[in-house]
Amino acid sequence: MNTFFKALNDPTRREILEHLNKGDLTAGEIAKQFEMTKPSISHHLDLLKQAGLVVSSRQGQYQKYSINTTVFDELVKWMIQFNQRKYEK
């Protein structure tokens, strides 16, 4: 959970997720959306992968990135438990 929130703490990583929410992209396609080096984008993607927010798959010579919605589902379930407690009283 800490890695999840750390990954979301950075505006660049949040923007990467917004781009991926529209569809799967390669690292090069993601890099074109930003004014930073490809190694910097790779670093951000690595942190998102470590947090479980994105997954990648090899397609030929490229890595294709997509959002891992399972992590978001788990977060929503975790947050709902606090709201449910309010109604149980």
PDB file of N, CA and C in Angstrom:
ATOM      1  N   MET A   1       0.828  -1.191   0.000  1.00  0.00           N
ATOM      2  CA  MET A   1       0.000   0.000   0.000  1.00  0.00           C
ATOM      3  C   MET A   1       0.877   1.262   0.000  1.00  0.00           C
ATOM      4  N   ASN A   2       1.979   1.228   0.756  1.00  0.00           N
ATOM      5  CA  ASN A   2       2.862   2.396   0.790  1.00  0.00           C
ATOM      6  C   ASN A   2       3.477   2.668  -0.573  1.00  0.00           C
ATOM      7  N   THR A   3       3.866   1.605  -1.268  1.00  0.00           N
ATOM      8  CA  THR A   3       4.449   1.756  -2.604  1.00  0.00           C
ATOM      9  C   THR A   3       3.424   2.340  -3.558  1.00  0.00           C
ATOM     10  N   PHE A   4       2.168   1.929  -3.397  1.00  0.00           N
ATOM     11  CA  PHE A   4       1.070   2.438  -4.215  1.00  0.00           C
ATOM     12  C   PHE A   4       0.954   3.953  -4.067  1.00  0.00           C
ATOM     13  N   PHE A   5       0.883   4.425  -2.821  1.00  0.00           N
ATOM     14  CA  PHE A   5       0.719   5.860  -2.590  1.00  0.00           C
ATOM     15  C   PHE A   5       1.968   6.646  -2.977  1.00  0.00           C
ATOM     16  N   LYS A   6       3.134   6.048  -2.789  1.00  0.00           N
ATOM     17  CA  LYS A   6       4.377   6.712  -3.204  1.00  0.00           C
ATOM     18  C   LYS A   6       4.385   6.908  -4.717  1.00  0.00           C
ATOM     19  N   ALA A   7       3.942   5.886  -5.440  1.00  0.00           N
ATOM     20  CA  ALA A   7       3.902   5.986  -6.905  1.00  0.00           C
ATOM     21  C   ALA A   7       2.927   7.063  -7.351  1.00  0.00           C
ATOM     22  N   LEU A   8       1.797   7.173  -6.677  1.00  0.00           N
ATOM     23  CA  LEU A   8       0.792   8.174  -7.059  1.00  0.00           C
ATOM     24  C   LEU A   8       1.145   9.581  -6.603  1.00  0.00           C
ATOM     25  N   ASN A   9       2.144   9.707  -5.755  1.00  0.00           N
ATOM     26  CA  ASN A   9       2.535  11.010  -5.228  1.00  0.00           C
ATOM     27  C   ASN A   9       3.180  11.911  -6.286  1.00  0.00           C
ATOM     28  N   ASP A  10       3.636  11.330  -7.365  1.00  0.00           N
ATOM     29  CA  ASP A  10       4.342  12.103  -8.393  1.00  0.00           C
ATOM     30  C   ASP A  10       3.395  12.469  -9.540  1.00  0.00           C
ATOM     31  N   PRO A  11       3.338  13.758  -9.928  1.00  0.00           N
ATOM     32  CA  PRO A  11       2.425  14.169 -10.995  1.00  0.00           C
ATOM     33  C   PRO A  11       2.734  13.528 -12.349  1.00  0.00           C
ATOM     34  N   THR A  12       4.005  13.267 -12.636  1.00  0.00           N
ATOM     35  CA  THR A  12       4.356  12.613 -13.906  1.00  0.00           C
ATOM     36  C   THR A  12       3.778  11.210 -13.956  1.00  0.00           C
ATOM     37  N   ARG A  13       3.890  10.476 -12.858  1.00  0.00           N
ATOM     38  CA  ARG A  13       3.352   9.113 -12.831  1.00  0.00           C
ATOM     39  C   ARG A  13       1.831   9.119 -12.927  1.00  0.00           C
ATOM     40  N   ARG A  14       1.190  10.089 -12.297  1.00  0.00           N
ATOM     41  CA  ARG A  14      -0.266  10.182 -12.426  1.00  0.00           C
ATOM     42  C   ARG A  14      -0.658  10.474 -13.872  1.00  0.00           C
ATOM     43  N   GLU A  15       0.124  11.321 -14.544  1.00  0.00           N
ATOM     44  CA  GLU A  15      -0.166  11.637 -15.944  1.00  0.00           C
ATOM     45  C   GLU A  15       0.066  10.421 -16.842  1.00  0.00           C
ATOM     46  N   ILE A  16       1.093   9.648 -16.549  1.00  0.00           N
ATOM     47  CA  ILE A  16       1.331   8.412 -17.302  1.00  0.00           C
ATOM     48  C   ILE A  16       0.115   7.495 -17.169  1.00  0.00           C
ATOM     49  N   LEU A  17      -0.415   7.366 -15.953  1.00  0.00           N
ATOM     50  CA  LEU A  17      -1.599   6.533 -15.746  1.00  0.00           C
ATOM     51  C   LEU A  17      -2.793   7.057 -16.535  1.00  0.00           C
ATOM     52  N   GLU A  18      -2.927   8.374 -16.615  1.00  0.00           N
ATOM     53  CA  GLU A  18      -4.022   8.956 -17.395  1.00  0.00           C
ATOM     54  C   GLU A  18      -3.889   8.588 -18.871  1.00  0.00           C
ATOM     55  N   HIS A  19      -2.673   8.618 -19.395  1.00  0.00           N
ATOM     56  CA  HIS A  19      -2.450   8.225 -20.791  1.00  0.00           C
ATOM     57  C   HIS A  19      -2.759   6.742 -20.987  1.00  0.00           C
ATOM     58  N   LEU A  20      -2.316   5.914 -20.044  1.00  0.00           N
ATOM     59  CA  LEU A  20      -2.550   4.478 -20.153  1.00  0.00           C
ATOM     60  C   LEU A  20      -4.023   4.123 -19.965  1.00  0.00           C
ATOM     61  N   ASN A  21      -4.753   4.979 -19.294  1.00  0.00           N
ATOM     62  CA  ASN A  21      -6.184   4.737 -19.115  1.00  0.00           C
ATOM     63  C   ASN A  21      -6.929   4.786 -20.452  1.00  0.00           C
ATOM     64  N   LYS A  22      -6.329   5.462 -21.430  1.00  0.00           N
ATOM     65  CA  LYS A  22      -6.928   5.562 -22.766  1.00  0.00           C
ATOM     66  C   LYS A  22      -6.575   4.351 -23.633  1.00  0.00           C
ATOM     67  N   GLY A  23      -5.550   3.598 -23.221  1.00  0.00           N
ATOM     68  CA  GLY A  23      -5.139   2.430 -23.991  1.00  0.00           C
ATOM     69  C   GLY A  23      -3.694   2.066 -23.727  1.00  0.00           C
ATOM     70  N   ASP A  24      -3.323   0.867 -24.105  1.00  0.00           N
ATOM     71  CA  ASP A  24      -1.955   0.386 -23.911  1.00  0.00           C
ATOM     72  C   ASP A  24      -0.990   1.187 -24.784  1.00  0.00           C
ATOM     73  N   LEU A  25       0.213   1.424 -24.243  1.00  0.00           N
ATOM     74  CA  LEU A  25       1.230   2.202 -24.950  1.00  0.00           C
ATOM     75  C   LEU A  25       2.611   1.596 -24.727  1.00  0.00           C
ATOM     76  N   THR A  26       3.498   1.824 -25.677  1.00  0.00           N
ATOM     77  CA  THR A  26       4.906   1.457 -25.498  1.00  0.00           C
ATOM     78  C   THR A  26       5.587   2.576 -24.722  1.00  0.00           C
ATOM     79  N   ALA A  27       6.775   2.292 -24.219  1.00  0.00           N
ATOM     80  CA  ALA A  27       7.543   3.310 -23.497  1.00  0.00           C
ATOM     81  C   ALA A  27       7.830   4.505 -24.410  1.00  0.00           C
ATOM     82  N   GLY A  28       8.131   4.239 -25.668  1.00  0.00           N
ATOM     83  CA  GLY A  28       8.393   5.319 -26.620  1.00  0.00           C
ATOM     84  C   GLY A  28       7.170   6.200 -26.842  1.00  0.00           C
ATOM     85  N   GLU A  29       5.999   5.576 -26.933  1.00  0.00           N
ATOM     86  CA  GLU A  29       4.767   6.348 -27.110  1.00  0.00           C
ATOM     87  C   GLU A  29       4.476   7.200 -25.879  1.00  0.00           C
ATOM     88  N   ILE A  30       4.779   6.650 -24.715  1.00  0.00           N
ATOM     89  CA  ILE A  30       4.594   7.423 -23.476  1.00  0.00           C
ATOM     90  C   ILE A  30       5.586   8.575 -23.437  1.00  0.00           C
ATOM     91  N   ALA A  31       6.833   8.313 -23.783  1.00  0.00           N
ATOM     92  CA  ALA A  31       7.875   9.341 -23.738  1.00  0.00           C
ATOM     93  C   ALA A  31       7.547  10.529 -24.637  1.00  0.00           C
ATOM     94  N   LYS A  32       6.874  10.280 -25.755  1.00  0.00           N
ATOM     95  CA  LYS A  32       6.511  11.363 -26.672  1.00  0.00           C
ATOM     96  C   LYS A  32       5.565  12.367 -26.021  1.00  0.00           C
ATOM     97  N   GLN A  33       4.879  11.972 -24.965  1.00  0.00           N
ATOM     98  CA  GLN A  33       3.913  12.838 -24.298  1.00  0.00           C
ATOM     99  C   GLN A  33       4.576  13.789 -23.291  1.00  0.00           C
ATOM    100  N   PHE A  34       5.879  13.599 -23.055  1.00  0.00           N
ATOM    101  CA  PHE A  34       6.581  14.349 -22.012  1.00  0.00           C
ATOM    102  C   PHE A  34       7.854  14.974 -22.558  1.00  0.00           C
ATOM    103  N   GLU A  35       8.284  16.018 -21.896  1.00  0.00           N
ATOM    104  CA  GLU A  35       9.559  16.653 -22.234  1.00  0.00           C
ATOM    105  C   GLU A  35      10.607  16.205 -21.224  1.00  0.00           C
ATOM    106  N   MET A  36      10.941  14.923 -21.289  1.00  0.00           N
ATOM    107  CA  MET A  36      11.987  14.373 -20.437  1.00  0.00           C
ATOM    108  C   MET A  36      12.636  13.210 -21.169  1.00  0.00           C
ATOM    109  N   THR A  37      13.757  12.775 -20.650  1.00  0.00           N
ATOM    110  CA  THR A  37      14.502  11.714 -21.315  1.00  0.00           C
ATOM    111  C   THR A  37      13.792  10.369 -21.186  1.00  0.00           C
ATOM    112  N   LYS A  38      14.097   9.489 -22.130  1.00  0.00           N
ATOM    113  CA  LYS A  38      13.521   8.140 -22.079  1.00  0.00           C
ATOM    114  C   LYS A  38      13.942   7.383 -20.815  1.00  0.00           C
ATOM    115  N   PRO A  39      15.214   7.545 -20.351  1.00  0.00           N
ATOM    116  CA  PRO A  39      15.563   6.886 -19.086  1.00  0.00           C
ATOM    117  C   PRO A  39      14.711   7.381 -17.901  1.00  0.00           C
ATOM    118  N   SER A  40      14.351   8.657 -17.905  1.00  0.00           N
ATOM    119  CA  SER A  40      13.487   9.181 -16.837  1.00  0.00           C
ATOM    120  C   SER A  40      12.099   8.550 -16.907  1.00  0.00           C
ATOM    121  N   ILE A  41      11.574   8.429 -18.117  1.00  0.00           N
ATOM    122  CA  ILE A  41      10.269   7.782 -18.291  1.00  0.00           C
ATOM    123  C   ILE A  41      10.353   6.331 -17.848  1.00  0.00           C
ATOM    124  N   SER A  42      11.428   5.652 -18.203  1.00  0.00           N
ATOM    125  CA  SER A  42      11.617   4.254 -17.795  1.00  0.00           C
ATOM    126  C   SER A  42      11.640   4.125 -16.273  1.00  0.00           C
ATOM    127  N   HIS A  43      12.275   5.093 -15.609  1.00  0.00           N
ATOM    128  CA  HIS A  43      12.312   5.091 -14.144  1.00  0.00           C
ATOM    129  C   HIS A  43      10.900   5.209 -13.570  1.00  0.00           C
ATOM    130  N   HIS A  44      10.106   6.132 -14.118  1.00  0.00           N
ATOM    131  CA  HIS A  44       8.728   6.304 -13.658  1.00  0.00           C
ATOM    132  C   HIS A  44       7.912   5.031 -13.909  1.00  0.00           C
ATOM    133  N   LEU A  45       8.091   4.434 -15.070  1.00  0.00           N
ATOM    134  CA  LEU A  45       7.373   3.199 -15.393  1.00  0.00           C
ATOM    135  C   LEU A  45       7.780   2.067 -14.449  1.00  0.00           C
ATOM    136  N   ASP A  46       9.057   2.010 -14.110  1.00  0.00           N
ATOM    137  CA  ASP A  46       9.530   0.984 -13.192  1.00  0.00           C
ATOM    138  C   ASP A  46       8.876   1.146 -11.817  1.00  0.00           C
ATOM    139  N   LEU A  47       8.775   2.374 -11.333  1.00  0.00           N
ATOM    140  CA  LEU A  47       8.137   2.612 -10.041  1.00  0.00           C
ATOM    141  C   LEU A  47       6.648   2.255 -10.085  1.00  0.00           C
ATOM    142  N   LEU A  48       5.994   2.553 -11.198  1.00  0.00           N
ATOM    143  CA  LEU A  48       4.587   2.180 -11.352  1.00  0.00           C
ATOM    144  C   LEU A  48       4.422   0.661 -11.376  1.00  0.00           C
ATOM    145  N   LYS A  49       5.379  -0.030 -12.010  1.00  0.00           N
ATOM    146  CA  LYS A  49       5.334  -1.493 -12.040  1.00  0.00           C
ATOM    147  C   LYS A  49       5.560  -2.062 -10.641  1.00  0.00           C
ATOM    148  N   GLN A  50       6.524  -1.508  -9.912  1.00  0.00           N
ATOM    149  CA  GLN A  50       6.802  -1.972  -8.551  1.00  0.00           C
ATOM    150  C   GLN A  50       5.570  -1.821  -7.657  1.00  0.00           C
ATOM    151  N   ALA A  51       4.804  -0.763  -7.886  1.00  0.00           N
ATOM    152  CA  ALA A  51       3.587  -0.530  -7.105  1.00  0.00           C
ATOM    153  C   ALA A  51       2.427  -1.393  -7.591  1.00  0.00           C
ATOM    154  N   GLY A  52       2.624  -2.085  -8.693  1.00  0.00           N
ATOM    155  CA  GLY A  52       1.581  -2.935  -9.237  1.00  0.00           C
ATOM    156  C   GLY A  52       0.522  -2.172 -10.018  1.00  0.00           C
ATOM    157  N   LEU A  53       0.793  -0.918 -10.319  1.00  0.00           N
ATOM    158  CA  LEU A  53      -0.186  -0.083 -11.022  1.00  0.00           C
ATOM    159  C   LEU A  53      -0.190  -0.312 -12.523  1.00  0.00           C
ATOM    160  N   VAL A  54       0.938  -0.741 -13.060  1.00  0.00           N
ATOM    161  CA  VAL A  54       1.002  -1.058 -14.486  1.00  0.00           C
ATOM    162  C   VAL A  54       1.662  -2.419 -14.663  1.00  0.00           C
ATOM    163  N   VAL A  55       1.348  -3.041 -15.765  1.00  0.00           N
ATOM    164  CA  VAL A  55       1.995  -4.288 -16.165  1.00  0.00           C
ATOM    165  C   VAL A  55       2.533  -4.087 -17.572  1.00  0.00           C
ATOM    166  N   SER A  56       3.525  -4.878 -17.912  1.00  0.00           N
ATOM    167  CA  SER A  56       4.084  -4.771 -19.255  1.00  0.00           C
ATOM    168  C   SER A  56       4.160  -6.144 -19.887  1.00  0.00           C
ATOM    169  N   SER A  57       4.125  -6.141 -21.197  1.00  0.00           N
ATOM    170  CA  SER A  57       4.286  -7.377 -21.947  1.00  0.00           C
ATOM    171  C   SER A  57       5.123  -7.070 -23.183  1.00  0.00           C
ATOM    172  N   ARG A  58       5.953  -8.005 -23.535  1.00  0.00           N
ATOM    173  CA  ARG A  58       6.817  -7.822 -24.702  1.00  0.00           C
ATOM    174  C   ARG A  58       6.025  -8.090 -25.965  1.00  0.00           C
ATOM    175  N   GLN A  59       6.127  -7.151 -26.897  1.00  0.00           N
ATOM    176  CA  GLN A  59       5.527  -7.315 -28.218  1.00  0.00           C
ATOM    177  C   GLN A  59       6.615  -7.006 -29.234  1.00  0.00           C
ATOM    178  N   GLY A  60       7.262  -8.053 -29.712  1.00  0.00           N
ATOM    179  CA  GLY A  60       8.396  -7.871 -30.607  1.00  0.00           C
ATOM    180  C   GLY A  60       9.553  -7.282 -29.827  1.00  0.00           C
ATOM    181  N   GLN A  61      10.063  -6.156 -30.287  1.00  0.00           N
ATOM    182  CA  GLN A  61      11.183  -5.519 -29.602  1.00  0.00           C
ATOM    183  C   GLN A  61      10.728  -4.451 -28.607  1.00  0.00           C
ATOM    184  N   TYR A  62       9.425  -4.304 -28.425  1.00  0.00           N
ATOM    185  CA  TYR A  62       8.879  -3.266 -27.557  1.00  0.00           C
ATOM    186  C   TYR A  62       8.205  -3.855 -26.320  1.00  0.00           C
ATOM    187  N   GLN A  63       8.187  -3.054 -25.266  1.00  0.00           N
ATOM    188  CA  GLN A  63       7.406  -3.365 -24.074  1.00  0.00           C
ATOM    189  C   GLN A  63       6.113  -2.559 -24.160  1.00  0.00           C
ATOM    190  N   LYS A  64       4.996  -3.219 -24.064  1.00  0.00           N
ATOM    191  CA  LYS A  64       3.693  -2.553 -24.085  1.00  0.00           C
ATOM    192  C   LYS A  64       3.213  -2.457 -22.640  1.00  0.00           C
ATOM    193  N   TYR A  65       2.807  -1.264 -22.214  1.00  0.00           N
ATOM    194  CA  TYR A  65       2.372  -1.023 -20.849  1.00  0.00           C
ATOM    195  C   TYR A  65       0.862  -0.847 -20.795  1.00  0.00           C
ATOM    196  N   SER A  66       0.270  -1.370 -19.730  1.00  0.00           N
ATOM    197  CA  SER A  66      -1.165  -1.194 -19.510  1.00  0.00           C
ATOM    198  C   SER A  66      -1.427  -1.061 -18.013  1.00  0.00           C
ATOM    199  N   ILE A  67      -2.581  -0.496 -17.689  1.00  0.00           N
ATOM    200  CA  ILE A  67      -2.964  -0.306 -16.287  1.00  0.00           C
ATOM    201  C   ILE A  67      -3.396  -1.640 -15.697  1.00  0.00           C
ATOM    202  N   ASN A  68      -3.001  -1.862 -14.455  1.00  0.00           N
ATOM    203  CA  ASN A  68      -3.423  -3.040 -13.707  1.00  0.00           C
ATOM    204  C   ASN A  68      -4.585  -2.600 -12.807  1.00  0.00           C
ATOM    205  N   THR A  69      -5.790  -2.812 -13.263  1.00  0.00           N
ATOM    206  CA  THR A  69      -6.963  -2.336 -12.520  1.00  0.00           C
ATOM    207  C   THR A  69      -7.192  -3.114 -11.230  1.00  0.00           C
ATOM    208  N   THR A  70      -6.603  -4.280 -11.098  1.00  0.00           N
ATOM    209  CA  THR A  70      -6.765  -5.082  -9.883  1.00  0.00           C
ATOM    210  C   THR A  70      -6.322  -4.303  -8.647  1.00  0.00           C
ATOM    211  N   VAL A  71      -5.224  -3.578  -8.756  1.00  0.00           N
ATOM    212  CA  VAL A  71      -4.715  -2.805  -7.620  1.00  0.00           C
ATOM    213  C   VAL A  71      -5.701  -1.711  -7.238  1.00  0.00           C
ATOM    214  N   PHE A  72      -6.291  -1.063  -8.225  1.00  0.00           N
ATOM    215  CA  PHE A  72      -7.273  -0.027  -7.941  1.00  0.00           C
ATOM    216  C   PHE A  72      -8.517  -0.631  -7.286  1.00  0.00           C
ATOM    217  N   ASP A  73      -8.923  -1.809  -7.733  1.00  0.00           N
ATOM    218  CA  ASP A  73     -10.059  -2.495  -7.122  1.00  0.00           C
ATOM    219  C   ASP A  73      -9.785  -2.798  -5.649  1.00  0.00           C
ATOM    220  N   GLU A  74      -8.582  -3.270  -5.360  1.00  0.00           N
ATOM    221  CA  GLU A  74      -8.212  -3.578  -3.980  1.00  0.00           C
ATOM    222  C   GLU A  74      -8.215  -2.322  -3.120  1.00  0.00           C
ATOM    223  N   LEU A  75      -7.740  -1.218  -3.662  1.00  0.00           N
ATOM    224  CA  LEU A  75      -7.730   0.039  -2.918  1.00  0.00           C
ATOM    225  C   LEU A  75      -9.151   0.497  -2.600  1.00  0.00           C
ATOM    226  N   VAL A  76     -10.034   0.405  -3.579  1.00  0.00           N
ATOM    227  CA  VAL A  76     -11.428   0.811  -3.367  1.00  0.00           C
ATOM    228  C   VAL A  76     -12.056  -0.058  -2.276  1.00  0.00           C
ATOM    229  N   LYS A  77     -11.825  -1.360  -2.317  1.00  0.00           N
ATOM    230  CA  LYS A  77     -12.354  -2.255  -1.282  1.00  0.00           C
ATOM    231  C   LYS A  77     -11.820  -1.870   0.090  1.00  0.00           C
ATOM    232  N   TRP A  78     -10.541  -1.552   0.148  1.00  0.00           N
ATOM    233  CA  TRP A  78      -9.911  -1.164   1.403  1.00  0.00           C
ATOM    234  C   TRP A  78     -10.547   0.113   1.934  1.00  0.00           C
ATOM    235  N   MET A  79     -10.794   1.079   1.063  1.00  0.00           N
ATOM    236  CA  MET A  79     -11.365   2.354   1.483  1.00  0.00           C
ATOM    237  C   MET A  79     -12.838   2.203   1.880  1.00  0.00           C
ATOM    238  N   ILE A  80     -13.569   1.348   1.202  1.00  0.00           N
ATOM    239  CA  ILE A  80     -14.991   1.154   1.500  1.00  0.00           C
ATOM    240  C   ILE A  80     -15.196   0.617   2.911  1.00  0.00           C
ATOM    241  N   GLN A  81     -14.261  -0.182   3.397  1.00  0.00           N
ATOM    242  CA  GLN A  81     -14.420  -0.735   4.730  1.00  0.00           C
ATOM    243  C   GLN A  81     -14.547   0.354   5.789  1.00  0.00           C
ATOM    244  N   PHE A  82     -13.910   1.487   5.574  1.00  0.00           N
ATOM    245  CA  PHE A  82     -13.995   2.576   6.537  1.00  0.00           C
ATOM    246  C   PHE A  82     -15.356   3.258   6.475  1.00  0.00           C
ATOM    247  N   ASN A  83     -15.915   3.339   5.297  1.00  0.00           N
ATOM    248  CA  ASN A  83     -17.226   3.937   5.117  1.00  0.00           C
ATOM    249  C   ASN A  83     -18.313   3.011   5.659  1.00  0.00           C
ATOM    250  N   GLN A  84     -18.168   1.713   5.491  1.00  0.00           N
ATOM    251  CA  GLN A  84     -19.159   0.746   5.976  1.00  0.00           C
ATOM    252  C   GLN A  84     -19.238   0.754   7.489  1.00  0.00           C
ATOM    253  N   ARG A  85     -18.134   0.949   8.109  1.00  0.00           N
ATOM    254  CA  ARG A  85     -18.083   0.960   9.575  1.00  0.00           C
ATOM    255  C   ARG A  85     -18.985   2.062  10.119  1.00  0.00           C
ATOM    256  N   LYS A  86     -19.066   3.165   9.400  1.00  0.00           N
ATOM    257  CA  LYS A  86     -19.894   4.293   9.811  1.00  0.00           C
ATOM    258  C   LYS A  86     -21.363   3.882   9.891  1.00  0.00           C
ATOM    259  N   TYR A  87     -21.802   3.025   8.966  1.00  0.00           N
ATOM    260  CA  TYR A  87     -23.200   2.610   8.897  1.00  0.00           C
ATOM    261  C   TYR A  87     -23.537   1.449   9.811  1.00  0.00           C
ATOM    262  N   GLU A  88     -22.523   0.776  10.326  1.00  0.00           N
ATOM    263  CA  GLU A  88     -22.759  -0.363  11.199  1.00  0.00           C
ATOM    264  C   GLU A  88     -23.079   0.058  12.624  1.00  0.00           C
ATOM    265  N   LYS A  89     -22.846   1.272  12.961  1.00  0.00           N
ATOM    266  CA  LYS A  89     -23.084   1.760  14.338  1.00  0.00           C
ATOM    267  C   LYS A  89     -24.536   2.028  14.597  1.00  0.00           C
TER     268      LYS A  89
END
